[in-house]
Amino acid sequence: MEAKEWVAREVARVRTDSLEKGREDGMNLALTIMATIPKLIAANKIHEEIITTLVAKYNIDQAQAESYYEQVMALRA
């Protein structure tokens, strides 16, 4: 195998590994956030407090926080 071919394969492998790691990290973050919301509800936090907490704690934007909140609320219905 030529050096160029080896380098190209290694670059492709590293990119694939990085994408998989990113997806895994994203999924773990989503699950963590979605597990936090019921705890905040149980602590008698109102909608606005929950969104503010998620934005601050997980460094996500308000739209993402709203999306997670809506998903959890749909599951609770």
Protein backbone atom coordinates (compact mmCIF):
# COMPACT_ATOMS: atom_id res chain seq x y z
CA MET A 1 0.00 0.00 0.00
CA GLU A 2 1.34 3.38 -0.93
CA ALA A 3 1.79 6.08 1.68
CA LYS A 4 -0.83 8.31 0.03
CA GLU A 5 -3.39 5.53 0.07
CA TRP A 6 -2.63 4.72 3.71
CA VAL A 7 -2.98 8.38 4.70
CA ALA A 8 -6.27 8.67 2.83
CA ARG A 9 -7.63 5.59 4.61
CA GLU A 10 -6.50 6.85 8.00
CA VAL A 11 -8.09 10.25 7.41
CA ALA A 12 -11.34 8.56 6.40
CA ARG A 13 -11.23 6.32 9.49
CA VAL A 14 -10.60 9.27 11.82
CA ARG A 15 -13.46 11.24 10.25
CA THR A 16 -15.82 8.29 10.62
CA ASP A 17 -14.74 7.76 14.24
CA SER A 18 -15.23 11.46 14.98
CA LEU A 19 -18.72 11.49 13.46
CA GLU A 20 -19.73 8.41 15.46
CA LYS A 21 -18.31 9.91 18.66
CA GLY A 22 -20.17 13.17 17.97
CA ARG A 23 -23.45 11.33 17.45
CA GLU A 24 -22.90 9.33 20.63
CA ASP A 25 -22.07 12.47 22.63
CA GLY A 26 -25.12 14.23 21.20
CA MET A 27 -27.37 11.33 22.12
CA ASN A 28 -25.97 11.20 25.65
CA LEU A 29 -26.54 14.94 26.06
CA ALA A 30 -30.11 14.64 24.79
CA LEU A 31 -30.87 11.79 27.18
CA THR A 32 -29.34 13.70 30.08
CA ILE A 33 -31.38 16.80 29.30
CA MET A 34 -34.56 14.79 28.92
CA ALA A 35 -33.91 13.08 32.27
CA THR A 36 -33.37 16.46 33.95
CA ILE A 37 -36.72 17.94 32.90
CA PRO A 38 -38.92 15.63 35.04
CA LYS A 39 -36.67 16.38 38.02
CA LEU A 40 -37.19 20.10 37.50
CA ILE A 41 -40.94 19.56 37.18
CA ALA A 42 -40.92 17.56 40.43
CA ALA A 43 -39.09 20.49 42.04
CA ASN A 44 -42.11 22.65 41.11
CA LYS A 45 -40.22 24.69 38.50
CA ILE A 46 -42.41 26.50 36.00
CA HIS A 47 -41.89 26.30 32.24
CA GLU A 48 -39.77 29.45 32.03
CA GLU A 49 -37.52 28.33 34.90
CA ILE A 50 -37.01 24.94 33.27
CA ILE A 51 -36.04 26.48 29.93
CA THR A 52 -33.68 28.96 31.61
CA THR A 53 -32.06 26.15 33.61
CA LEU A 54 -31.55 23.96 30.53
CA VAL A 55 -30.05 26.82 28.53
CA ALA A 56 -27.63 27.72 31.31
CA LYS A 57 -26.71 24.22 32.47
CA TYR A 58 -26.28 22.52 29.10
CA ASN A 59 -25.19 25.48 26.96
CA ILE A 60 -27.99 25.03 24.45
CA ASP A 61 -30.16 27.67 22.85
CA GLN A 62 -33.72 28.40 23.86
CA ALA A 63 -35.22 26.67 20.81
CA GLN A 64 -33.38 23.46 21.65
CA ALA A 65 -34.51 23.68 25.27
CA GLU A 66 -38.10 24.19 24.15
CA SER A 67 -37.85 21.20 21.84
CA TYR A 68 -36.59 18.92 24.63
CA TYR A 69 -39.29 20.24 26.95
CA GLU A 70 -42.03 19.57 24.39
CA GLN A 71 -40.73 16.05 23.76
CA VAL A 72 -40.74 15.22 27.46
CA MET A 73 -44.18 16.69 27.95
CA ALA A 74 -45.51 14.65 25.01
CA LEU A 75 -44.11 11.49 26.61
CA ARG A 76 -45.76 12.36 29.91
CA ALA A 77 -49.20 12.80 28.35
